[in-house]
Amino acid sequence: MDRGTVGSAHRGRLLVEVREQGPSAVVTPAGELDHHTADLLREPLEGCLADGYTRLVVDCSRLEFCDSTGLNVLLGARLKADAQGGGVHLVGMRPVVARVFEITGAEAVFTVHETLEAALAD
């Protein structure tokens, strides 16, 4: 991702938009994140890390569903960002998505924010 550019990708039930916001890459998945669409999120997250963004903000406010495959994509990005001295921040999770994180205990390893503004200010 070039700094300052906006990118997006779409496959079936998931649209992923990526944009730069200061030192952060903001990744916004919209739709259903599952084993059929997980690569559509994995690729831009890994691309952001490869481009030097170690602080990823994933805006989940438009995410309608997330299964264990989607959770694993986010966990993998978190591990890679942590290894580079950064992190993954999650924003605006809907109850149905938050429940997956609660059940698995994954919410304990992410920084979760109510709003995008709060995540970017942290």
PDB file of N, CA and C in Angstrom:
ATOM      1  N   MET A   1       0.847  -1.186   0.000  1.00  0.00           N
ATOM      2  CA  MET A   1       0.000   0.000   0.000  1.00  0.00           C
ATOM      3  C   MET A   1       0.878   1.230   0.000  1.00  0.00           C
ATOM      4  N   ASP A   2       0.686   2.104  -0.936  1.00  0.00           N
ATOM      5  CA  ASP A   2       1.404   3.360  -0.947  1.00  0.00           C
ATOM      6  C   ASP A   2       0.801   4.274   0.102  1.00  0.00           C
ATOM      7  N   ARG A   3       1.663   5.031   0.781  1.00  0.00           N
ATOM      8  CA  ARG A   3       1.165   5.952   1.794  1.00  0.00           C
ATOM      9  C   ARG A   3       0.202   6.945   1.153  1.00  0.00           C
ATOM     10  N   GLY A   4      -0.940   7.121   1.799  1.00  0.00           N
ATOM     11  CA  GLY A   4      -1.917   8.076   1.317  1.00  0.00           C
ATOM     12  C   GLY A   4      -2.927   7.498   0.353  1.00  0.00           C
ATOM     13  N   THR A   5      -2.751   6.271  -0.087  1.00  0.00           N
ATOM     14  CA  THR A   5      -3.704   5.695  -1.018  1.00  0.00           C
ATOM     15  C   THR A   5      -4.772   4.914  -0.274  1.00  0.00           C
ATOM     16  N   VAL A   6      -5.879   4.812  -0.929  1.00  0.00           N
ATOM     17  CA  VAL A   6      -6.976   4.022  -0.403  1.00  0.00           C
ATOM     18  C   VAL A   6      -7.095   2.805  -1.297  1.00  0.00           C
ATOM     19  N   GLY A   7      -7.227   1.642  -0.680  1.00  0.00           N
ATOM     20  CA  GLY A   7      -7.377   0.430  -1.459  1.00  0.00           C
ATOM     21  C   GLY A   7      -8.607  -0.311  -1.011  1.00  0.00           C
ATOM     22  N   SER A   8      -9.132  -1.148  -1.892  1.00  0.00           N
ATOM     23  CA  SER A   8     -10.261  -1.980  -1.502  1.00  0.00           C
ATOM     24  C   SER A   8     -10.249  -3.249  -2.335  1.00  0.00           C
ATOM     25  N   ALA A   9     -10.838  -4.270  -1.763  1.00  0.00           N
ATOM     26  CA  ALA A   9     -10.969  -5.548  -2.451  1.00  0.00           C
ATOM     27  C   ALA A   9     -12.314  -6.132  -2.075  1.00  0.00           C
ATOM     28  N   HIS A  10     -12.883  -6.920  -2.961  1.00  0.00           N
ATOM     29  CA  HIS A  10     -14.212  -7.468  -2.715  1.00  0.00           C
ATOM     30  C   HIS A  10     -14.278  -8.890  -3.244  1.00  0.00           C
ATOM     31  N   ARG A  11     -14.794  -9.773  -2.434  1.00  0.00           N
ATOM     32  CA  ARG A  11     -15.017 -11.142  -2.892  1.00  0.00           C
ATOM     33  C   ARG A  11     -16.291 -11.642  -2.223  1.00  0.00           C
ATOM     34  N   GLY A  12     -17.307 -11.828  -2.988  1.00  0.00           N
ATOM     35  CA  GLY A  12     -18.543 -12.384  -2.444  1.00  0.00           C
ATOM     36  C   GLY A  12     -19.122 -11.541  -1.333  1.00  0.00           C
ATOM     37  N   ARG A  13     -19.020 -12.071  -0.131  1.00  0.00           N
ATOM     38  CA  ARG A  13     -19.687 -11.453   1.009  1.00  0.00           C
ATOM     39  C   ARG A  13     -18.804 -10.539   1.836  1.00  0.00           C
ATOM     40  N   LEU A  14     -17.600 -10.208   1.369  1.00  0.00           N
ATOM     41  CA  LEU A  14     -16.708  -9.358   2.152  1.00  0.00           C
ATOM     42  C   LEU A  14     -16.050  -8.299   1.274  1.00  0.00           C
ATOM     43  N   LEU A  15     -16.088  -7.080   1.750  1.00  0.00           N
ATOM     44  CA  LEU A  15     -15.395  -5.956   1.138  1.00  0.00           C
ATOM     45  C   LEU A  15     -14.381  -5.464   2.161  1.00  0.00           C
ATOM     46  N   VAL A  16     -13.142  -5.234   1.750  1.00  0.00           N
ATOM     47  CA  VAL A  16     -12.106  -4.747   2.655  1.00  0.00           C
ATOM     48  C   VAL A  16     -11.534  -3.459   2.088  1.00  0.00           C
ATOM     49  N   GLU A  17     -11.578  -2.403   2.883  1.00  0.00           N
ATOM     50  CA  GLU A  17     -11.002  -1.117   2.506  1.00  0.00           C
ATOM     51  C   GLU A  17      -9.799  -0.847   3.401  1.00  0.00           C
ATOM     52  N   VAL A  18      -8.768  -0.241   2.821  1.00  0.00           N
ATOM     53  CA  VAL A  18      -7.555   0.086   3.557  1.00  0.00           C
ATOM     54  C   VAL A  18      -7.209   1.540   3.282  1.00  0.00           C
ATOM     55  N   ARG A  19      -6.854   2.264   4.355  1.00  0.00           N
ATOM     56  CA  ARG A  19      -6.412   3.642   4.184  1.00  0.00           C
ATOM     57  C   ARG A  19      -5.377   3.989   5.250  1.00  0.00           C
ATOM     58  N   GLU A  20      -4.577   4.970   4.951  1.00  0.00           N
ATOM     59  CA  GLU A  20      -3.586   5.466   5.903  1.00  0.00           C
ATOM     60  C   GLU A  20      -4.240   6.531   6.773  1.00  0.00           C
ATOM     61  N   GLN A  21      -3.961   6.478   8.050  1.00  0.00           N
ATOM     62  CA  GLN A  21      -4.434   7.501   8.986  1.00  0.00           C
ATOM     63  C   GLN A  21      -3.263   7.797   9.918  1.00  0.00           C
ATOM     64  N   GLY A  22      -2.435   8.766   9.538  1.00  0.00           N
ATOM     65  CA  GLY A  22      -1.226   9.057  10.310  1.00  0.00           C
ATOM     66  C   GLY A  22      -0.292   7.857  10.277  1.00  0.00           C
ATOM     67  N   PRO A  23       0.183   7.422  11.455  1.00  0.00           N
ATOM     68  CA  PRO A  23       1.103   6.285  11.492  1.00  0.00           C
ATOM     69  C   PRO A  23       0.399   4.926  11.424  1.00  0.00           C
ATOM     70  N   SER A  24      -0.914   4.944  11.326  1.00  0.00           N
ATOM     71  CA  SER A  24      -1.688   3.701  11.339  1.00  0.00           C
ATOM     72  C   SER A  24      -2.238   3.371   9.961  1.00  0.00           C
ATOM     73  N   ALA A  25      -2.406   2.076   9.726  1.00  0.00           N
ATOM     74  CA  ALA A  25      -3.178   1.613   8.578  1.00  0.00           C
ATOM     75  C   ALA A  25      -4.544   1.219   9.141  1.00  0.00           C
ATOM     76  N   VAL A  26      -5.594   1.802   8.593  1.00  0.00           N
ATOM     77  CA  VAL A  26      -6.954   1.480   9.020  1.00  0.00           C
ATOM     78  C   VAL A  26      -7.538   0.520   7.996  1.00  0.00           C
ATOM     79  N   VAL A  27      -7.893  -0.666   8.481  1.00  0.00           N
ATOM     80  CA  VAL A  27      -8.440  -1.721   7.629  1.00  0.00           C
ATOM     81  C   VAL A  27      -9.889  -1.927   8.047  1.00  0.00           C
ATOM     82  N   THR A  28     -10.799  -1.797   7.076  1.00  0.00           N
ATOM     83  CA  THR A  28     -12.225  -1.903   7.373  1.00  0.00           C
ATOM     84  C   THR A  28     -12.847  -3.042   6.578  1.00  0.00           C
ATOM     85  N   PRO A  29     -13.060  -4.182   7.226  1.00  0.00           N
ATOM     86  CA  PRO A  29     -13.793  -5.260   6.567  1.00  0.00           C
ATOM     87  C   PRO A  29     -15.298  -5.023   6.721  1.00  0.00           C
ATOM     88  N   ALA A  30     -16.042  -5.272   5.669  1.00  0.00           N
ATOM     89  CA  ALA A  30     -17.495  -5.106   5.705  1.00  0.00           C
ATOM     90  C   ALA A  30     -18.139  -6.372   5.159  1.00  0.00           C
ATOM     91  N   GLY A  31     -19.034  -6.952   5.942  1.00  0.00           N
ATOM     92  CA  GLY A  31     -19.722  -8.162   5.513  1.00  0.00           C
ATOM     93  C   GLY A  31     -19.396  -9.329   6.403  1.00  0.00           C
ATOM     94  N   GLU A  32     -19.173 -10.490   5.799  1.00  0.00           N
ATOM     95  CA  GLU A  32     -18.965 -11.737   6.531  1.00  0.00           C
ATOM     96  C   GLU A  32     -17.534 -12.230   6.368  1.00  0.00           C
ATOM     97  N   LEU A  33     -16.861 -12.407   7.500  1.00  0.00           N
ATOM     98  CA  LEU A  33     -15.486 -12.888   7.520  1.00  0.00           C
ATOM     99  C   LEU A  33     -15.511 -14.344   7.957  1.00  0.00           C
ATOM    100  N   ASP A  34     -15.249 -15.238   6.986  1.00  0.00           N
ATOM    101  CA  ASP A  34     -15.275 -16.672   7.288  1.00  0.00           C
ATOM    102  C   ASP A  34     -14.219 -17.383   6.439  1.00  0.00           C
ATOM    103  N   HIS A  35     -14.267 -18.701   6.431  1.00  0.00           N
ATOM    104  CA  HIS A  35     -13.227 -19.447   5.709  1.00  0.00           C
ATOM    105  C   HIS A  35     -13.227 -19.176   4.206  1.00  0.00           C
ATOM    106  N   HIS A  36     -14.331 -18.711   3.644  1.00  0.00           N
ATOM    107  CA  HIS A  36     -14.383 -18.390   2.216  1.00  0.00           C
ATOM    108  C   HIS A  36     -13.780 -17.024   1.907  1.00  0.00           C
ATOM    109  N   THR A  37     -13.798 -16.118   2.878  1.00  0.00           N
ATOM    110  CA  THR A  37     -13.383 -14.737   2.618  1.00  0.00           C
ATOM    111  C   THR A  37     -12.143 -14.316   3.409  1.00  0.00           C
ATOM    112  N   ALA A  38     -11.601 -15.193   4.228  1.00  0.00           N
ATOM    113  CA  ALA A  38     -10.501 -14.832   5.134  1.00  0.00           C
ATOM    114  C   ALA A  38      -9.273 -14.287   4.397  1.00  0.00           C
ATOM    115  N   ASP A  39      -8.929 -14.851   3.261  1.00  0.00           N
ATOM    116  CA  ASP A  39      -7.753 -14.373   2.522  1.00  0.00           C
ATOM    117  C   ASP A  39      -7.921 -12.933   2.061  1.00  0.00           C
ATOM    118  N   LEU A  40      -9.149 -12.518   1.859  1.00  0.00           N
ATOM    119  CA  LEU A  40      -9.409 -11.148   1.429  1.00  0.00           C
ATOM    120  C   LEU A  40      -9.034 -10.155   2.521  1.00  0.00           C
ATOM    121  N   LEU A  41      -9.051 -10.578   3.777  1.00  0.00           N
ATOM    122  CA  LEU A  41      -8.582  -9.729   4.870  1.00  0.00           C
ATOM    123  C   LEU A  41      -7.099  -9.984   5.161  1.00  0.00           C
ATOM    124  N   ARG A  42      -6.680 -11.230   5.099  1.00  0.00           N
ATOM    125  CA  ARG A  42      -5.278 -11.579   5.392  1.00  0.00           C
ATOM    126  C   ARG A  42      -4.310 -10.824   4.478  1.00  0.00           C
ATOM    127  N   GLU A  43      -4.609 -10.783   3.187  1.00  0.00           N
ATOM    128  CA  GLU A  43      -3.695 -10.172   2.218  1.00  0.00           C
ATOM    129  C   GLU A  43      -3.442  -8.690   2.493  1.00  0.00           C
ATOM    130  N   PRO A  44      -4.471  -7.863   2.714  1.00  0.00           N
ATOM    131  CA  PRO A  44      -4.171  -6.453   2.999  1.00  0.00           C
ATOM    132  C   PRO A  44      -3.500  -6.248   4.365  1.00  0.00           C
ATOM    133  N   LEU A  45      -3.839  -7.065   5.363  1.00  0.00           N
ATOM    134  CA  LEU A  45      -3.170  -6.933   6.657  1.00  0.00           C
ATOM    135  C   LEU A  45      -1.677  -7.222   6.507  1.00  0.00           C
ATOM    136  N   GLU A  46      -1.346  -8.297   5.814  1.00  0.00           N
ATOM    137  CA  GLU A  46       0.061  -8.635   5.596  1.00  0.00           C
ATOM    138  C   GLU A  46       0.744  -7.593   4.710  1.00  0.00           C
ATOM    139  N   GLY A  47       0.002  -7.058   3.751  1.00  0.00           N
ATOM    140  CA  GLY A  47       0.549  -6.014   2.890  1.00  0.00           C
ATOM    141  C   GLY A  47       0.878  -4.748   3.668  1.00  0.00           C
ATOM    142  N   CYS A  48       0.025  -4.379   4.599  1.00  0.00           N
ATOM    143  CA  CYS A  48       0.276  -3.198   5.435  1.00  0.00           C
ATOM    144  C   CYS A  48       1.531  -3.396   6.269  1.00  0.00           C
ATOM    145  N   LEU A  49       1.669  -4.585   6.845  1.00  0.00           N
ATOM    146  CA  LEU A  49       2.864  -4.881   7.646  1.00  0.00           C
ATOM    147  C   LEU A  49       4.117  -4.868   6.778  1.00  0.00           C
ATOM    148  N   ALA A  50       4.016  -5.413   5.579  1.00  0.00           N
ATOM    149  CA  ALA A  50       5.157  -5.429   4.657  1.00  0.00           C
ATOM    150  C   ALA A  50       5.544  -4.012   4.219  1.00  0.00           C
ATOM    151  N   ASP A  51       4.551  -3.112   4.175  1.00  0.00           N
ATOM    152  CA  ASP A  51       4.805  -1.729   3.783  1.00  0.00           C
ATOM    153  C   ASP A  51       5.304  -0.868   4.935  1.00  0.00           C
ATOM    154  N   GLY A  52       5.500  -1.478   6.101  1.00  0.00           N
ATOM    155  CA  GLY A  52       6.065  -0.736   7.224  1.00  0.00           C
ATOM    156  C   GLY A  52       5.079  -0.244   8.255  1.00  0.00           C
ATOM    157  N   TYR A  53       3.813  -0.522   8.068  1.00  0.00           N
ATOM    158  CA  TYR A  53       2.825  -0.155   9.087  1.00  0.00           C
ATOM    159  C   TYR A  53       2.847  -1.233  10.168  1.00  0.00           C
ATOM    160  N   THR A  54       3.245  -0.867  11.359  1.00  0.00           N
ATOM    161  CA  THR A  54       3.237  -1.842  12.448  1.00  0.00           C
ATOM    162  C   THR A  54       2.036  -1.634  13.360  1.00  0.00           C
ATOM    163  N   ARG A  55       1.323  -0.552  13.156  1.00  0.00           N
ATOM    164  CA  ARG A  55       0.122  -0.264  13.945  1.00  0.00           C
ATOM    165  C   ARG A  55      -1.073  -0.394  13.014  1.00  0.00           C
ATOM    166  N   LEU A  56      -1.832  -1.460  13.222  1.00  0.00           N
ATOM    167  CA  LEU A  56      -3.001  -1.717  12.394  1.00  0.00           C
ATOM    168  C   LEU A  56      -4.251  -1.479  13.220  1.00  0.00           C
ATOM    169  N   VAL A  57      -5.174  -0.727  12.671  1.00  0.00           N
ATOM    170  CA  VAL A  57      -6.474  -0.497  13.302  1.00  0.00           C
ATOM    171  C   VAL A  57      -7.504  -1.183  12.413  1.00  0.00           C
ATOM    172  N   VAL A  58      -8.184  -2.168  12.977  1.00  0.00           N
ATOM    173  CA  VAL A  58      -9.205  -2.891  12.228  1.00  0.00           C
ATOM    174  C   VAL A  58     -10.560  -2.389  12.700  1.00  0.00           C
ATOM    175  N   ASP A  59     -11.246  -1.676  11.817  1.00  0.00           N
ATOM    176  CA  ASP A  59     -12.558  -1.116  12.119  1.00  0.00           C
ATOM    177  C   ASP A  59     -13.611  -2.180  11.829  1.00  0.00           C
ATOM    178  N   CYS A  60     -14.110  -2.794  12.885  1.00  0.00           N
ATOM    179  CA  CYS A  60     -15.056  -3.910  12.768  1.00  0.00           C
ATOM    180  C   CYS A  60     -16.510  -3.464  12.742  1.00  0.00           C
ATOM    181  N   SER A  61     -16.764  -2.175  12.672  1.00  0.00           N
ATOM    182  CA  SER A  61     -18.132  -1.671  12.783  1.00  0.00           C
ATOM    183  C   SER A  61     -19.038  -2.122  11.642  1.00  0.00           C
ATOM    184  N   ARG A  62     -18.459  -2.532  10.522  1.00  0.00           N
ATOM    185  CA  ARG A  62     -19.264  -2.998   9.380  1.00  0.00           C
ATOM    186  C   ARG A  62     -19.168  -4.509   9.187  1.00  0.00           C
ATOM    187  N   LEU A  63     -18.511  -5.179  10.144  1.00  0.00           N
ATOM    188  CA  LEU A  63     -18.359  -6.633  10.088  1.00  0.00           C
ATOM    189  C   LEU A  63     -19.596  -7.281  10.697  1.00  0.00           C
ATOM    190  N   GLU A  64     -20.294  -8.075   9.887  1.00  0.00           N
ATOM    191  CA  GLU A  64     -21.553  -8.681  10.316  1.00  0.00           C
ATOM    192  C   GLU A  64     -21.381 -10.068  10.924  1.00  0.00           C
ATOM    193  N   PHE A  65     -20.254 -10.722  10.612  1.00  0.00           N
ATOM    194  CA  PHE A  65     -20.020 -12.089  11.082  1.00  0.00           C
ATOM    195  C   PHE A  65     -18.530 -12.365  11.060  1.00  0.00           C
ATOM    196  N   CYS A  66     -18.057 -13.137  12.024  1.00  0.00           N
ATOM    197  CA  CYS A  66     -16.662 -13.560  12.055  1.00  0.00           C
ATOM    198  C   CYS A  66     -16.606 -14.956  12.653  1.00  0.00           C
ATOM    199  N   ASP A  67     -16.040 -15.900  11.908  1.00  0.00           N
ATOM    200  CA  ASP A  67     -15.893 -17.253  12.443  1.00  0.00           C
ATOM    201  C   ASP A  67     -14.455 -17.456  12.916  1.00  0.00           C
ATOM    202  N   SER A  68     -14.106 -18.680  13.275  1.00  0.00           N
ATOM    203  CA  SER A  68     -12.779 -18.954  13.819  1.00  0.00           C
ATOM    204  C   SER A  68     -11.676 -18.706  12.795  1.00  0.00           C
ATOM    205  N   THR A  69     -11.957 -18.870  11.516  1.00  0.00           N
ATOM    206  CA  THR A  69     -10.947 -18.594  10.494  1.00  0.00           C
ATOM    207  C   THR A  69     -10.635 -17.109  10.466  1.00  0.00           C
ATOM    208  N   GLY A  70     -11.653 -16.290  10.538  1.00  0.00           N
ATOM    209  CA  GLY A  70     -11.448 -14.842  10.587  1.00  0.00           C
ATOM    210  C   GLY A  70     -10.686 -14.429  11.832  1.00  0.00           C
ATOM    211  N   LEU A  71     -11.030 -15.030  12.950  1.00  0.00           N
ATOM    212  CA  LEU A  71     -10.328 -14.759  14.200  1.00  0.00           C
ATOM    213  C   LEU A  71      -8.850 -15.111  14.061  1.00  0.00           C
ATOM    214  N   ASN A  72      -8.555 -16.235  13.428  1.00  0.00           N
ATOM    215  CA  ASN A  72      -7.163 -16.649  13.227  1.00  0.00           C
ATOM    216  C   ASN A  72      -6.395 -15.678  12.336  1.00  0.00           C
ATOM    217  N   VAL A  73      -7.057 -15.093  11.357  1.00  0.00           N
ATOM    218  CA  VAL A  73      -6.409 -14.086  10.508  1.00  0.00           C
ATOM    219  C   VAL A  73      -5.991 -12.893  11.368  1.00  0.00           C
ATOM    220  N   LEU A  74      -6.883 -12.444  12.231  1.00  0.00           N
ATOM    221  CA  LEU A  74      -6.574 -11.305  13.087  1.00  0.00           C
ATOM    222  C   LEU A  74      -5.489 -11.643  14.107  1.00  0.00           C
ATOM    223  N   LEU A  75      -5.539 -12.853  14.651  1.00  0.00           N
ATOM    224  CA  LEU A  75      -4.503 -13.283  15.595  1.00  0.00           C
ATOM    225  C   LEU A  75      -3.135 -13.363  14.913  1.00  0.00           C
ATOM    226  N   GLY A  76      -3.110 -13.862  13.683  1.00  0.00           N
ATOM    227  CA  GLY A  76      -1.862 -13.931  12.934  1.00  0.00           C
ATOM    228  C   GLY A  76      -1.288 -12.550  12.665  1.00  0.00           C
ATOM    229  N   ALA A  77      -2.146 -11.614  12.296  1.00  0.00           N
ATOM    230  CA  ALA A  77      -1.694 -10.235  12.060  1.00  0.00           C
ATOM    231  C   ALA A  77      -1.164  -9.629  13.352  1.00  0.00           C
ATOM    232  N   ARG A  78      -1.814  -9.927  14.465  1.00  0.00           N
ATOM    233  CA  ARG A  78      -1.379  -9.426  15.762  1.00  0.00           C
ATOM    234  C   ARG A  78       0.020  -9.934  16.103  1.00  0.00           C
ATOM    235  N   LEU A  79       0.255 -11.213  15.882  1.00  0.00           N
ATOM    236  CA  LEU A  79       1.573 -11.781  16.169  1.00  0.00           C
ATOM    237  C   LEU A  79       2.659 -11.119  15.312  1.00  0.00           C
ATOM    238  N   LYS A  80       2.373 -10.925  14.034  1.00  0.00           N
ATOM    239  CA  LYS A  80       3.351 -10.305  13.141  1.00  0.00           C
ATOM    240  C   LYS A  80       3.586  -8.841  13.508  1.00  0.00           C
ATOM    241  N   ALA A  81       2.517  -8.117  13.841  1.00  0.00           N
ATOM    242  CA  ALA A  81       2.663  -6.712  14.244  1.00  0.00           C
ATOM    243  C   ALA A  81       3.444  -6.607  15.541  1.00  0.00           C
ATOM    244  N   ASP A  82       3.139  -7.474  16.511  1.00  0.00           N
ATOM    245  CA  ASP A  82       3.873  -7.476  17.786  1.00  0.00           C
ATOM    246  C   ASP A  82       5.354  -7.747  17.558  1.00  0.00           C
ATOM    247  N   ALA A  83       5.671  -8.668  16.666  1.00  0.00           N
ATOM    248  CA  ALA A  83       7.060  -9.011  16.381  1.00  0.00           C
ATOM    249  C   ALA A  83       7.820  -7.826  15.783  1.00  0.00           C
ATOM    250  N   GLN A  84       7.085  -6.913  15.150  1.00  0.00           N
ATOM    251  CA  GLN A  84       7.692  -5.718  14.546  1.00  0.00           C
ATOM    252  C   GLN A  84       7.604  -4.510  15.474  1.00  0.00           C
ATOM    253  N   GLY A  85       7.159  -4.738  16.717  1.00  0.00           N
ATOM    254  CA  GLY A  85       7.069  -3.650  17.685  1.00  0.00           C
ATOM    255  C   GLY A  85       5.780  -2.859  17.620  1.00  0.00           C
ATOM    256  N   GLY A  86       4.779  -3.390  16.960  1.00  0.00           N
ATOM    257  CA  GLY A  86       3.501  -2.687  16.820  1.00  0.00           C
ATOM    258  C   GLY A  86       2.371  -3.434  17.472  1.00  0.00           C
ATOM    259  N   GLY A  87       1.192  -3.328  16.883  1.00  0.00           N
ATOM    260  CA  GLY A  87       0.038  -4.009  17.431  1.00  0.00           C
ATOM    261  C   GLY A  87      -1.173  -3.878  16.534  1.00  0.00           C
ATOM    262  N   VAL A  88      -2.200  -4.619  16.898  1.00  0.00           N
ATOM    263  CA  VAL A  88      -3.479  -4.573  16.192  1.00  0.00           C
ATOM    264  C   VAL A  88      -4.528  -4.072  17.171  1.00  0.00           C
ATOM    265  N   HIS A  89      -5.232  -3.032  16.776  1.00  0.00           N
ATOM    266  CA  HIS A  89      -6.299  -2.455  17.581  1.00  0.00           C
ATOM    267  C   HIS A  89      -7.622  -2.727  16.883  1.00  0.00           C
ATOM    268  N   LEU A  90      -8.604  -3.195  17.641  1.00  0.00           N
ATOM    269  CA  LEU A  90      -9.922  -3.478  17.089  1.00  0.00           C
ATOM    270  C   LEU A  90     -10.896  -2.393  17.529  1.00  0.00           C
ATOM    271  N   VAL A  91     -11.796  -2.038  16.623  1.00  0.00           N
ATOM    272  CA  VAL A  91     -12.717  -0.936  16.866  1.00  0.00           C
ATOM    273  C   VAL A  91     -14.145  -1.348  16.551  1.00  0.00           C
ATOM    274  N   GLY A  92     -15.072  -0.908  17.382  1.00  0.00           N
ATOM    275  CA  GLY A  92     -16.497  -0.956  17.079  1.00  0.00           C
ATOM    276  C   GLY A  92     -17.061  -2.329  16.778  1.00  0.00           C
ATOM    277  N   MET A  93     -16.703  -3.316  17.577  1.00  0.00           N
ATOM    278  CA  MET A  93     -17.205  -4.661  17.301  1.00  0.00           C
ATOM    279  C   MET A  93     -18.686  -4.779  17.643  1.00  0.00           C
ATOM    280  N   ARG A  94     -19.447  -5.296  16.703  1.00  0.00           N
ATOM    281  CA  ARG A  94     -20.860  -5.598  16.942  1.00  0.00           C
ATOM    282  C   ARG A  94     -20.947  -6.777  17.909  1.00  0.00           C
ATOM    283  N   PRO A  95     -22.038  -6.891  18.634  1.00  0.00           N
ATOM    284  CA  PRO A  95     -22.166  -7.981  19.618  1.00  0.00           C
ATOM    285  C   PRO A  95     -21.927  -9.376  19.045  1.00  0.00           C
ATOM    286  N   VAL A  96     -22.404  -9.646  17.841  1.00  0.00           N
ATOM    287  CA  VAL A  96     -22.237 -10.974  17.252  1.00  0.00           C
ATOM    288  C   VAL A  96     -20.763 -11.280  16.984  1.00  0.00           C
ATOM    289  N   VAL A  97     -19.978 -10.275  16.645  1.00  0.00           N
ATOM    290  CA  VAL A  97     -18.549 -10.453  16.409  1.00  0.00           C
ATOM    291  C   VAL A  97     -17.810 -10.488  17.746  1.00  0.00           C
ATOM    292  N   ALA A  98     -18.165  -9.606  18.644  1.00  0.00           N
ATOM    293  CA  ALA A  98     -17.523  -9.564  19.961  1.00  0.00           C
ATOM    294  C   ALA A  98     -17.687 -10.892  20.691  1.00  0.00           C
ATOM    295  N   ARG A  99     -18.797 -11.558  20.468  1.00  0.00           N
ATOM    296  CA  ARG A  99     -19.062 -12.831  21.153  1.00  0.00           C
ATOM    297  C   ARG A  99     -18.012 -13.886  20.800  1.00  0.00           C
ATOM    298  N   VAL A 100     -17.556 -13.936  19.561  1.00  0.00           N
ATOM    299  CA  VAL A 100     -16.521 -14.890  19.152  1.00  0.00           C
ATOM    300  C   VAL A 100     -15.240 -14.626  19.937  1.00  0.00           C
ATOM    301  N   PHE A 101     -14.912 -13.361  20.126  1.00  0.00           N
ATOM    302  CA  PHE A 101     -13.714 -12.992  20.864  1.00  0.00           C
ATOM    303  C   PHE A 101     -13.865 -13.325  22.352  1.00  0.00           C
ATOM    304  N   GLU A 102     -15.067 -13.131  22.880  1.00  0.00           N
ATOM    305  CA  GLU A 102     -15.325 -13.447  24.287  1.00  0.00           C
ATOM    306  C   GLU A 102     -15.229 -14.947  24.548  1.00  0.00           C
ATOM    307  N   ILE A 103     -15.889 -15.730  23.709  1.00  0.00           N
ATOM    308  CA  ILE A 103     -15.926 -17.186  23.889  1.00  0.00           C
ATOM    309  C   ILE A 103     -14.521 -17.783  23.854  1.00  0.00           C
ATOM    310  N   THR A 104     -13.685 -17.284  22.953  1.00  0.00           N
ATOM    311  CA  THR A 104     -12.344 -17.847  22.775  1.00  0.00           C
ATOM    312  C   THR A 104     -11.303 -17.212  23.702  1.00  0.00           C
ATOM    313  N   GLY A 105     -11.663 -16.114  24.344  1.00  0.00           N
ATOM    314  CA  GLY A 105     -10.707 -15.403  25.182  1.00  0.00           C
ATOM    315  C   GLY A 105      -9.779 -14.495  24.394  1.00  0.00           C
ATOM    316  N   ALA A 106     -10.017 -14.370  23.097  1.00  0.00           N
ATOM    317  CA  ALA A 106      -9.134 -13.571  22.240  1.00  0.00           C
ATOM    318  C   ALA A 106      -9.208 -12.084  22.551  1.00  0.00           C
ATOM    319  N   GLU A 107     -10.287 -11.623  23.174  1.00  0.00           N
ATOM    320  CA  GLU A 107     -10.370 -10.193  23.470  1.00  0.00           C
ATOM    321  C   GLU A 107      -9.256  -9.762  24.417  1.00  0.00           C
ATOM    322  N   ALA A 108      -8.707 -10.702  25.175  1.00  0.00           N
ATOM    323  CA  ALA A 108      -7.642 -10.384  26.130  1.00  0.00           C
ATOM    324  C   ALA A 108      -6.316 -10.061  25.448  1.00  0.00           C
ATOM    325  N   VAL A 109      -6.132 -10.469  24.199  1.00  0.00           N
ATOM    326  CA  VAL A 109      -4.855 -10.237  23.522  1.00  0.00           C
ATOM    327  C   VAL A 109      -4.901  -9.068  22.544  1.00  0.00           C
ATOM    328  N   PHE A 110      -6.070  -8.472  22.375  1.00  0.00           N
ATOM    329  CA  PHE A 110      -6.215  -7.311  21.505  1.00  0.00           C
ATOM    330  C   PHE A 110      -6.542  -6.083  22.338  1.00  0.00           C
ATOM    331  N   THR A 111      -6.175  -4.926  21.825  1.00  0.00           N
ATOM    332  CA  THR A 111      -6.653  -3.673  22.389  1.00  0.00           C
ATOM    333  C   THR A 111      -7.941  -3.355  21.645  1.00  0.00           C
ATOM    334  N   VAL A 112      -9.039  -3.235  22.395  1.00  0.00           N
ATOM    335  CA  VAL A 112     -10.354  -3.011  21.796  1.00  0.00           C
ATOM    336  C   VAL A 112     -10.842  -1.617  22.176  1.00  0.00           C
ATOM    337  N   HIS A 113     -11.319  -0.880  21.176  1.00  0.00           N
ATOM    338  CA  HIS A 113     -11.805   0.486  21.372  1.00  0.00           C
ATOM    339  C   HIS A 113     -13.257   0.577  20.912  1.00  0.00           C
ATOM    340  N   GLU A 114     -13.972   1.499  21.509  1.00  0.00           N
ATOM    341  CA  GLU A 114     -15.373   1.721  21.122  1.00  0.00           C
ATOM    342  C   GLU A 114     -15.476   2.471  19.795  1.00  0.00           C
ATOM    343  N   THR A 115     -14.563   3.429  19.578  1.00  0.00           N
ATOM    344  CA  THR A 115     -14.642   4.274  18.380  1.00  0.00           C
ATOM    345  C   THR A 115     -13.294   4.302  17.650  1.00  0.00           C
ATOM    346  N   LEU A 116     -13.361   4.642  16.390  1.00  0.00           N
ATOM    347  CA  LEU A 116     -12.155   4.798  15.576  1.00  0.00           C
ATOM    348  C   LEU A 116     -11.298   5.938  16.133  1.00  0.00           C
ATOM    349  N   GLU A 117     -11.932   7.006  16.539  1.00  0.00           N
ATOM    350  CA  GLU A 117     -11.201   8.150  17.074  1.00  0.00           C
ATOM    351  C   GLU A 117     -10.388   7.733  18.305  1.00  0.00           C
ATOM    352  N   ALA A 118     -10.982   6.920  19.187  1.00  0.00           N
ATOM    353  CA  ALA A 118     -10.283   6.460  20.390  1.00  0.00           C
ATOM    354  C   ALA A 118      -9.084   5.573  20.016  1.00  0.00           C
ATOM    355  N   ALA A 119      -9.273   4.731  19.030  1.00  0.00           N
ATOM    356  CA  ALA A 119      -8.182   3.840  18.603  1.00  0.00           C
ATOM    357  C   ALA A 119      -7.031   4.645  18.007  1.00  0.00           C
ATOM    358  N   LEU A 120      -7.340   5.640  17.227  1.00  0.00           N
ATOM    359  CA  LEU A 120      -6.299   6.437  16.589  1.00  0.00           C
ATOM    360  C   LEU A 120      -5.589   7.339  17.593  1.00  0.00           C
ATOM    361  N   ALA A 121      -6.278   7.718  18.666  1.00  0.00           N
ATOM    362  CA  ALA A 121      -5.680   8.578  19.683  1.00  0.00           C
ATOM    363  C   ALA A 121      -4.827   7.797  20.675  1.00  0.00           C
ATOM    364  N   ASP A 122      -5.034   6.471  20.757  1.00  0.00           N
ATOM    365  CA  ASP A 122      -4.322   5.644  21.734  1.00  0.00           C
ATOM    366  C   ASP A 122      -2.865   5.499  21.366  1.00  0.00           C
TER     367      ASP A 122
END
